Amino acid sequence: LRGKGIGGPHEADEPLALCISCRDQAAFEKAVQYAETQLQKVHSDYKAFCQQEGRPVPELSVKISKKGSSFFPGDAALSSSMDLPLGERPPNAPTDEEVEKLIEERNDARKAANFKKADEVRDYLKQRGVVLMDEKGAKGNFNGNQVTKWRFWRP
């Protein structure tokens, strides 16, 4: 579960968000369908509760968006930083170009095993309202933006 105000890379724009991750597409679709059914039930129960208690009955809806990456042959899902919502830019955040440049510097430091420098770059970006998410197992001659995704957040 992800939601507004938790901070970090898992913060969502919605008050409450459910993230489903699955390696098998059929199982993923089944999980999404089940989650949607359960969320609709929760909404229905909450509306009934509000009505019983004499509270205003809110308009609630289940919003489903499928974003993500796929590493299986034949799958059409994309995995670029443009797929991820970047969130709201904090006032002191660096420009997108600065973020990309610093990510390159950080990943160069990581390749050279200069983890102190890599941590300094990560911490600097976090202080400026940018969190980094590294792709698991991404190594070699990838550019920084192919290995590390980023988004804005407000501490």
N, C-alpha and C. Protein backbone atom coordinates (compact mmCIF):
# COMPACT_ATOMS: atom_id res chain seq x y z
N LEU A 1 0.84 -1.18 0.00
CA LEU A 1 0.00 0.00 0.00
C LEU A 1 0.88 1.23 0.00
N ARG A 2 0.48 2.20 -0.75
CA ARG A 2 1.22 3.45 -0.85
C ARG A 2 0.22 4.59 -0.72
N GLY A 3 0.67 5.71 -0.23
CA GLY A 3 -0.26 6.82 -0.09
C GLY A 3 0.44 8.15 0.05
N LYS A 4 -0.36 9.18 0.12
CA LYS A 4 0.12 10.55 0.26
C LYS A 4 0.74 10.74 1.64
N GLY A 5 1.87 11.40 1.68
CA GLY A 5 2.47 11.75 2.96
C GLY A 5 3.44 10.74 3.53
N ILE A 6 3.67 9.60 2.85
CA ILE A 6 4.60 8.62 3.42
C ILE A 6 6.04 8.96 3.09
N GLY A 7 6.25 9.79 2.06
CA GLY A 7 7.59 10.18 1.67
C GLY A 7 8.29 9.07 0.91
N GLY A 8 9.41 9.41 0.32
CA GLY A 8 10.20 8.42 -0.39
C GLY A 8 9.63 8.07 -1.75
N PRO A 9 10.25 7.10 -2.38
CA PRO A 9 9.88 6.77 -3.76
C PRO A 9 8.52 6.12 -3.90
N HIS A 10 7.93 5.65 -2.81
CA HIS A 10 6.65 4.95 -2.90
C HIS A 10 5.46 5.85 -2.61
N GLU A 11 5.70 7.14 -2.44
CA GLU A 11 4.59 8.05 -2.18
C GLU A 11 3.73 8.16 -3.44
N ALA A 12 2.42 8.15 -3.25
CA ALA A 12 1.48 8.24 -4.36
C ALA A 12 0.73 9.56 -4.29
N ASP A 13 0.19 9.98 -5.42
CA ASP A 13 -0.60 11.21 -5.47
C ASP A 13 -1.97 11.02 -4.83
N GLU A 14 -2.45 9.80 -4.75
CA GLU A 14 -3.75 9.50 -4.18
C GLU A 14 -3.61 9.30 -2.66
N PRO A 15 -4.70 9.49 -1.89
CA PRO A 15 -4.63 9.27 -0.45
C PRO A 15 -4.22 7.83 -0.10
N LEU A 16 -4.62 6.88 -0.92
CA LEU A 16 -4.25 5.49 -0.69
C LEU A 16 -4.10 4.82 -2.04
N ALA A 17 -3.02 4.11 -2.23
CA ALA A 17 -2.79 3.41 -3.49
C ALA A 17 -2.30 2.00 -3.20
N LEU A 18 -2.71 1.08 -4.02
CA LEU A 18 -2.30 -0.31 -3.90
C LEU A 18 -1.44 -0.64 -5.11
N CYS A 19 -0.27 -1.16 -4.87
CA CYS A 19 0.63 -1.53 -5.96
C CYS A 19 0.65 -3.05 -6.06
N ILE A 20 0.41 -3.56 -7.25
CA ILE A 20 0.43 -5.01 -7.49
C ILE A 20 1.58 -5.30 -8.44
N SER A 21 2.41 -6.23 -8.06
CA SER A 21 3.54 -6.61 -8.88
C SER A 21 3.52 -8.12 -9.06
N CYS A 22 3.68 -8.57 -10.28
CA CYS A 22 3.60 -10.00 -10.54
C CYS A 22 4.40 -10.33 -11.79
N ARG A 23 5.07 -11.45 -11.80
CA ARG A 23 5.86 -11.85 -12.97
C ARG A 23 5.00 -12.46 -14.08
N ASP A 24 3.88 -13.03 -13.73
CA ASP A 24 3.01 -13.70 -14.70
C ASP A 24 1.85 -12.77 -15.06
N GLN A 25 1.69 -12.47 -16.35
CA GLN A 25 0.67 -11.51 -16.79
C GLN A 25 -0.74 -11.97 -16.43
N ALA A 26 -1.04 -13.26 -16.59
CA ALA A 26 -2.38 -13.76 -16.27
C ALA A 26 -2.67 -13.62 -14.78
N ALA A 27 -1.68 -13.95 -13.96
CA ALA A 27 -1.85 -13.82 -12.51
C ALA A 27 -1.99 -12.35 -12.12
N PHE A 28 -1.25 -11.48 -12.81
CA PHE A 28 -1.35 -10.05 -12.56
C PHE A 28 -2.77 -9.56 -12.84
N GLU A 29 -3.31 -9.92 -14.00
CA GLU A 29 -4.67 -9.50 -14.36
C GLU A 29 -5.69 -10.00 -13.34
N LYS A 30 -5.51 -11.23 -12.89
CA LYS A 30 -6.42 -11.81 -11.89
C LYS A 30 -6.32 -11.04 -10.57
N ALA A 31 -5.09 -10.70 -10.17
CA ALA A 31 -4.88 -9.95 -8.93
C ALA A 31 -5.50 -8.56 -9.02
N VAL A 32 -5.37 -7.91 -10.17
CA VAL A 32 -5.96 -6.58 -10.37
C VAL A 32 -7.48 -6.66 -10.27
N GLN A 33 -8.05 -7.67 -10.92
CA GLN A 33 -9.51 -7.85 -10.89
C GLN A 33 -9.99 -8.09 -9.45
N TYR A 34 -9.28 -8.93 -8.71
CA TYR A 34 -9.64 -9.22 -7.32
C TYR A 34 -9.53 -7.95 -6.47
N ALA A 35 -8.43 -7.22 -6.63
CA ALA A 35 -8.24 -5.99 -5.85
C ALA A 35 -9.34 -4.97 -6.16
N GLU A 36 -9.70 -4.85 -7.43
CA GLU A 36 -10.76 -3.91 -7.80
C GLU A 36 -12.08 -4.29 -7.13
N THR A 37 -12.41 -5.58 -7.15
CA THR A 37 -13.64 -6.06 -6.52
C THR A 37 -13.64 -5.76 -5.03
N GLN A 38 -12.52 -6.02 -4.37
CA GLN A 38 -12.43 -5.79 -2.93
C GLN A 38 -12.51 -4.30 -2.60
N LEU A 39 -11.85 -3.47 -3.39
CA LEU A 39 -11.91 -2.02 -3.15
C LEU A 39 -13.33 -1.48 -3.36
N GLN A 40 -14.03 -2.00 -4.35
CA GLN A 40 -15.42 -1.59 -4.56
C GLN A 40 -16.27 -1.99 -3.35
N LYS A 41 -16.00 -3.15 -2.78
CA LYS A 41 -16.73 -3.60 -1.59
C LYS A 41 -16.43 -2.67 -0.41
N VAL A 42 -15.17 -2.31 -0.23
CA VAL A 42 -14.80 -1.39 0.85
C VAL A 42 -15.52 -0.06 0.66
N HIS A 43 -15.54 0.46 -0.56
CA HIS A 43 -16.24 1.72 -0.82
C HIS A 43 -17.73 1.60 -0.50
N SER A 44 -18.33 0.51 -0.92
CA SER A 44 -19.75 0.29 -0.67
C SER A 44 -20.04 0.23 0.83
N ASP A 45 -19.20 -0.53 1.55
CA ASP A 45 -19.37 -0.64 3.01
C ASP A 45 -19.19 0.71 3.70
N TYR A 46 -18.22 1.49 3.23
CA TYR A 46 -17.97 2.80 3.85
C TYR A 46 -19.14 3.75 3.59
N LYS A 47 -19.67 3.72 2.38
CA LYS A 47 -20.83 4.56 2.06
C LYS A 47 -22.02 4.19 2.95
N ALA A 48 -22.23 2.88 3.14
CA ALA A 48 -23.33 2.41 4.00
C ALA A 48 -23.10 2.88 5.43
N PHE A 49 -21.86 2.80 5.91
CA PHE A 49 -21.52 3.26 7.25
C PHE A 49 -21.84 4.75 7.40
N CYS A 50 -21.41 5.55 6.43
CA CYS A 50 -21.66 7.00 6.48
C CYS A 50 -23.16 7.28 6.52
N GLN A 51 -23.91 6.56 5.72
CA GLN A 51 -25.36 6.76 5.68
C GLN A 51 -25.98 6.40 7.02
N GLN A 52 -25.56 5.29 7.62
CA GLN A 52 -26.09 4.86 8.92
C GLN A 52 -25.76 5.85 10.02
N GLU A 53 -24.59 6.46 9.94
CA GLU A 53 -24.14 7.39 10.98
C GLU A 53 -24.59 8.83 10.72
N GLY A 54 -25.31 9.04 9.63
CA GLY A 54 -25.79 10.39 9.32
C GLY A 54 -24.70 11.31 8.81
N ARG A 55 -23.63 10.75 8.32
CA ARG A 55 -22.53 11.54 7.77
C ARG A 55 -22.74 11.73 6.27
N PRO A 56 -22.11 12.75 5.70
CA PRO A 56 -22.20 12.92 4.24
C PRO A 56 -21.62 11.68 3.54
N VAL A 57 -22.30 11.22 2.53
CA VAL A 57 -21.83 10.04 1.78
C VAL A 57 -20.92 10.53 0.65
N PRO A 58 -19.64 10.15 0.71
CA PRO A 58 -18.70 10.65 -0.29
C PRO A 58 -18.86 9.92 -1.63
N GLU A 59 -18.42 10.60 -2.68
CA GLU A 59 -18.34 9.96 -3.99
C GLU A 59 -16.98 9.26 -4.04
N LEU A 60 -16.99 7.97 -4.13
CA LEU A 60 -15.75 7.20 -4.16
C LEU A 60 -15.69 6.40 -5.45
N SER A 61 -14.51 6.24 -5.97
CA SER A 61 -14.35 5.41 -7.16
C SER A 61 -13.00 4.73 -7.12
N VAL A 62 -12.93 3.58 -7.74
CA VAL A 62 -11.68 2.85 -7.86
C VAL A 62 -11.02 3.30 -9.15
N LYS A 63 -9.78 3.77 -9.03
CA LYS A 63 -9.03 4.19 -10.21
C LYS A 63 -7.94 3.15 -10.45
N ILE A 64 -7.87 2.67 -11.66
CA ILE A 64 -6.86 1.67 -11.98
C ILE A 64 -5.96 2.23 -13.07
N SER A 65 -4.68 2.19 -12.82
CA SER A 65 -3.71 2.54 -13.85
C SER A 65 -2.64 1.47 -13.84
N LYS A 66 -2.27 1.05 -15.00
CA LYS A 66 -1.24 0.01 -15.11
C LYS A 66 0.00 0.66 -15.68
N LYS A 67 0.99 0.77 -14.82
CA LYS A 67 2.27 1.35 -15.21
C LYS A 67 3.33 0.36 -14.80
N GLY A 68 4.40 0.33 -15.53
CA GLY A 68 5.45 -0.54 -15.06
C GLY A 68 6.41 -0.93 -16.14
N SER A 69 7.16 -1.91 -15.81
CA SER A 69 8.17 -2.37 -16.74
C SER A 69 8.03 -3.87 -16.92
N SER A 70 8.53 -4.32 -18.02
CA SER A 70 8.47 -5.73 -18.33
C SER A 70 9.82 -6.17 -18.85
N PHE A 71 10.26 -7.30 -18.42
CA PHE A 71 11.54 -7.81 -18.85
C PHE A 71 11.38 -9.15 -19.54
N PHE A 72 10.19 -9.43 -20.04
CA PHE A 72 9.93 -10.70 -20.68
C PHE A 72 9.78 -10.49 -22.18
N PRO A 73 10.34 -11.38 -22.99
CA PRO A 73 10.22 -11.24 -24.44
C PRO A 73 8.76 -11.19 -24.86
N GLY A 74 8.45 -10.29 -25.79
CA GLY A 74 7.10 -10.22 -26.32
C GLY A 74 6.18 -9.31 -25.54
N ASP A 75 6.56 -8.91 -24.34
CA ASP A 75 5.71 -8.00 -23.57
C ASP A 75 5.92 -6.59 -24.09
N ALA A 76 4.84 -5.83 -24.13
CA ALA A 76 4.90 -4.50 -24.72
C ALA A 76 5.05 -3.40 -23.69
N ALA A 77 5.12 -3.75 -22.41
CA ALA A 77 5.23 -2.71 -21.38
C ALA A 77 6.55 -1.97 -21.53
N LEU A 78 6.51 -0.70 -21.26
CA LEU A 78 7.71 0.13 -21.38
C LEU A 78 8.37 0.30 -20.04
N SER A 79 9.66 0.54 -20.05
CA SER A 79 10.33 0.81 -18.78
C SER A 79 11.25 2.01 -18.95
N SER A 80 10.69 3.16 -19.09
CA SER A 80 11.48 4.38 -19.14
C SER A 80 11.05 5.27 -18.00
N SER A 81 11.89 6.22 -17.67
CA SER A 81 11.55 7.11 -16.57
C SER A 81 10.30 7.92 -16.88
N MET A 82 9.90 8.02 -18.14
CA MET A 82 8.70 8.77 -18.48
C MET A 82 7.43 8.04 -18.07
N ASP A 83 7.51 6.74 -17.80
CA ASP A 83 6.34 5.97 -17.38
C ASP A 83 5.94 6.31 -15.96
N LEU A 84 6.87 6.74 -15.16
CA LEU A 84 6.61 6.99 -13.75
C LEU A 84 6.19 8.43 -13.54
N PRO A 85 5.15 8.67 -12.76
CA PRO A 85 4.82 10.06 -12.45
C PRO A 85 5.93 10.65 -11.59
N LEU A 86 6.39 11.84 -11.93
CA LEU A 86 7.51 12.43 -11.20
C LEU A 86 7.07 13.14 -9.93
N GLY A 87 5.78 13.32 -9.72
CA GLY A 87 5.32 14.02 -8.54
C GLY A 87 5.42 15.52 -8.72
N GLU A 88 5.17 16.24 -7.64
CA GLU A 88 5.18 17.71 -7.68
C GLU A 88 6.58 18.21 -7.38
N ARG A 89 7.09 19.09 -8.23
CA ARG A 89 8.46 19.60 -8.07
C ARG A 89 8.54 20.51 -6.85
N PRO A 90 9.40 20.18 -5.86
CA PRO A 90 9.60 21.07 -4.72
C PRO A 90 10.30 22.35 -5.17
N PRO A 91 10.12 23.43 -4.42
CA PRO A 91 10.70 24.72 -4.82
C PRO A 91 12.22 24.69 -4.98
N ASN A 92 12.92 23.89 -4.19
CA ASN A 92 14.38 23.88 -4.24
C ASN A 92 14.94 22.75 -5.10
N ALA A 93 14.09 22.06 -5.85
CA ALA A 93 14.55 20.92 -6.65
C ALA A 93 15.40 21.38 -7.82
N PRO A 94 16.40 20.58 -8.17
CA PRO A 94 17.20 20.90 -9.35
C PRO A 94 16.39 20.67 -10.63
N THR A 95 16.89 21.18 -11.74
CA THR A 95 16.22 20.95 -13.03
C THR A 95 16.36 19.48 -13.40
N ASP A 96 15.54 19.03 -14.34
CA ASP A 96 15.62 17.65 -14.80
C ASP A 96 17.02 17.34 -15.34
N GLU A 97 17.59 18.29 -16.06
CA GLU A 97 18.93 18.10 -16.63
C GLU A 97 19.97 17.94 -15.53
N GLU A 98 19.86 18.76 -14.47
CA GLU A 98 20.79 18.63 -13.34
C GLU A 98 20.65 17.27 -12.68
N VAL A 99 19.42 16.81 -12.50
CA VAL A 99 19.18 15.50 -11.88
C VAL A 99 19.85 14.42 -12.72
N GLU A 100 19.64 14.44 -14.03
CA GLU A 100 20.22 13.42 -14.91
C GLU A 100 21.74 13.46 -14.85
N LYS A 101 22.32 14.67 -14.82
CA LYS A 101 23.78 14.80 -14.74
C LYS A 101 24.31 14.22 -13.43
N LEU A 102 23.63 14.52 -12.33
CA LEU A 102 24.05 14.00 -11.03
C LEU A 102 23.87 12.48 -10.95
N ILE A 103 22.84 11.96 -11.58
CA ILE A 103 22.66 10.50 -11.62
C ILE A 103 23.83 9.85 -12.36
N GLU A 104 24.25 10.45 -13.48
CA GLU A 104 25.41 9.94 -14.22
C GLU A 104 26.65 9.94 -13.32
N GLU A 105 26.87 11.05 -12.61
CA GLU A 105 28.02 11.14 -11.70
C GLU A 105 27.95 10.06 -10.62
N ARG A 106 26.76 9.88 -10.07
CA ARG A 106 26.57 8.88 -9.01
C ARG A 106 26.85 7.47 -9.54
N ASN A 107 26.33 7.17 -10.71
CA ASN A 107 26.54 5.83 -11.25
C ASN A 107 27.98 5.60 -11.67
N ASP A 108 28.66 6.65 -12.14
CA ASP A 108 30.10 6.53 -12.41
C ASP A 108 30.85 6.23 -11.12
N ALA A 109 30.47 6.91 -10.04
CA ALA A 109 31.11 6.66 -8.74
C ALA A 109 30.83 5.23 -8.27
N ARG A 110 29.62 4.75 -8.48
CA ARG A 110 29.28 3.37 -8.08
C ARG A 110 30.11 2.36 -8.87
N LYS A 111 30.25 2.61 -10.19
CA LYS A 111 31.05 1.69 -11.03
C LYS A 111 32.50 1.66 -10.56
N ALA A 112 33.00 2.81 -10.07
CA ALA A 112 34.38 2.89 -9.59
C ALA A 112 34.50 2.48 -8.13
N ALA A 113 33.42 1.97 -7.54
CA ALA A 113 33.37 1.54 -6.14
C ALA A 113 33.64 2.70 -5.18
N ASN A 114 33.33 3.93 -5.61
CA ASN A 114 33.44 5.10 -4.74
C ASN A 114 32.06 5.34 -4.13
N PHE A 115 31.71 4.48 -3.19
CA PHE A 115 30.36 4.51 -2.63
C PHE A 115 30.12 5.73 -1.75
N LYS A 116 31.20 6.29 -1.18
CA LYS A 116 31.04 7.51 -0.39
C LYS A 116 30.54 8.64 -1.29
N LYS A 117 31.15 8.81 -2.45
CA LYS A 117 30.73 9.84 -3.41
C LYS A 117 29.30 9.56 -3.90
N ALA A 118 29.00 8.30 -4.20
CA ALA A 118 27.66 7.93 -4.68
C ALA A 118 26.61 8.27 -3.62
N ASP A 119 26.92 7.98 -2.36
CA ASP A 119 25.99 8.30 -1.27
C ASP A 119 25.82 9.80 -1.09
N GLU A 120 26.91 10.56 -1.27
CA GLU A 120 26.83 12.02 -1.16
C GLU A 120 25.89 12.59 -2.22
N VAL A 121 25.99 12.09 -3.44
CA VAL A 121 25.12 12.57 -4.52
C VAL A 121 23.67 12.22 -4.20
N ARG A 122 23.43 10.97 -3.78
CA ARG A 122 22.07 10.55 -3.43
C ARG A 122 21.50 11.42 -2.31
N ASP A 123 22.30 11.65 -1.26
CA ASP A 123 21.84 12.46 -0.13
C ASP A 123 21.59 13.91 -0.53
N TYR A 124 22.45 14.45 -1.40
CA TYR A 124 22.27 15.82 -1.88
C TYR A 124 20.94 15.94 -2.63
N LEU A 125 20.68 14.99 -3.52
CA LEU A 125 19.42 15.03 -4.27
C LEU A 125 18.22 14.90 -3.35
N LYS A 126 18.33 14.05 -2.35
CA LYS A 126 17.22 13.87 -1.41
C LYS A 126 16.94 15.17 -0.65
N GLN A 127 18.01 15.87 -0.25
CA GLN A 127 17.83 17.15 0.44
C GLN A 127 17.14 18.17 -0.46
N ARG A 128 17.31 18.02 -1.77
CA ARG A 128 16.70 18.95 -2.73
C ARG A 128 15.35 18.45 -3.23
N GLY A 129 14.85 17.34 -2.65
CA GLY A 129 13.51 16.87 -3.00
C GLY A 129 13.44 15.85 -4.10
N VAL A 130 14.54 15.13 -4.35
CA VAL A 130 14.56 14.11 -5.40
C VAL A 130 15.00 12.79 -4.79
N VAL A 131 14.21 11.74 -5.00
CA VAL A 131 14.60 10.41 -4.53
C VAL A 131 14.96 9.54 -5.73
N LEU A 132 15.89 8.63 -5.52
CA LEU A 132 16.38 7.76 -6.58
C LEU A 132 15.92 6.33 -6.34
N MET A 133 15.68 5.62 -7.45
CA MET A 133 15.30 4.22 -7.39
C MET A 133 16.18 3.47 -8.38
N ASP A 134 17.03 2.59 -7.89
CA ASP A 134 17.95 1.86 -8.74
C ASP A 134 17.30 0.58 -9.25
N GLU A 135 17.53 0.27 -10.53
CA GLU A 135 17.03 -0.97 -11.11
C GLU A 135 17.85 -2.12 -10.54
N LYS A 136 17.18 -3.14 -10.08
CA LYS A 136 17.85 -4.30 -9.50
C LYS A 136 18.67 -5.00 -10.58
N GLY A 137 19.93 -5.23 -10.28
CA GLY A 137 20.78 -5.99 -11.19
C GLY A 137 21.29 -5.22 -12.40
N ALA A 138 20.96 -3.95 -12.54
CA ALA A 138 21.42 -3.18 -13.70
C ALA A 138 22.87 -2.77 -13.49
N LYS A 139 23.73 -3.26 -14.35
CA LYS A 139 25.16 -3.00 -14.24
C LYS A 139 25.73 -2.78 -15.63
N GLY A 140 27.03 -2.70 -15.69
CA GLY A 140 27.69 -2.66 -16.98
C GLY A 140 27.77 -1.27 -17.56
N ASN A 141 27.56 -1.18 -18.86
CA ASN A 141 27.76 0.07 -19.57
C ASN A 141 26.47 0.85 -19.79
N PHE A 142 25.48 0.65 -18.94
CA PHE A 142 24.23 1.40 -19.05
C PHE A 142 24.48 2.86 -18.70
N ASN A 143 23.71 3.77 -19.31
CA ASN A 143 23.72 5.16 -18.88
C ASN A 143 22.98 5.25 -17.56
N GLY A 144 23.25 6.28 -16.79
CA GLY A 144 22.62 6.44 -15.48
C GLY A 144 21.11 6.39 -15.53
N ASN A 145 20.51 7.05 -16.55
CA ASN A 145 19.05 7.08 -16.60
C ASN A 145 18.46 5.73 -16.99
N GLN A 146 19.28 4.77 -17.44
CA GLN A 146 18.79 3.43 -17.72
C GLN A 146 18.87 2.55 -16.47
N VAL A 147 19.69 2.94 -15.52
CA VAL A 147 19.90 2.17 -14.29
C VAL A 147 19.10 2.75 -13.13
N THR A 148 18.98 4.06 -13.09
CA THR A 148 18.38 4.76 -11.96
C THR A 148 17.21 5.62 -12.43
N LYS A 149 16.06 5.41 -11.81
CA LYS A 149 14.88 6.24 -12.04
C LYS A 149 14.79 7.24 -10.88
N TRP A 150 14.05 8.30 -11.07
CA TRP A 150 13.93 9.30 -10.01
C TRP A 150 12.55 9.92 -10.03
N ARG A 151 12.21 10.55 -8.89
CA ARG A 151 10.95 11.30 -8.77
C ARG A 151 11.10 12.33 -7.66
N PHE A 152 10.19 13.29 -7.66
CA PHE A 152 10.20 14.31 -6.62
C PHE A 152 9.45 13.80 -5.39
N TRP A 153 9.81 14.33 -4.25
CA TRP A 153 9.06 14.07 -3.02
C TRP A 153 9.31 15.22 -2.07
N ARG A 154 8.41 15.39 -1.15
CA ARG A 154 8.54 16.46 -0.14
C ARG A 154 8.64 15.81 1.22
N PRO A 155 9.76 16.07 1.91
CA PRO A 155 9.94 15.47 3.25
C PRO A 155 8.95 15.99 4.26
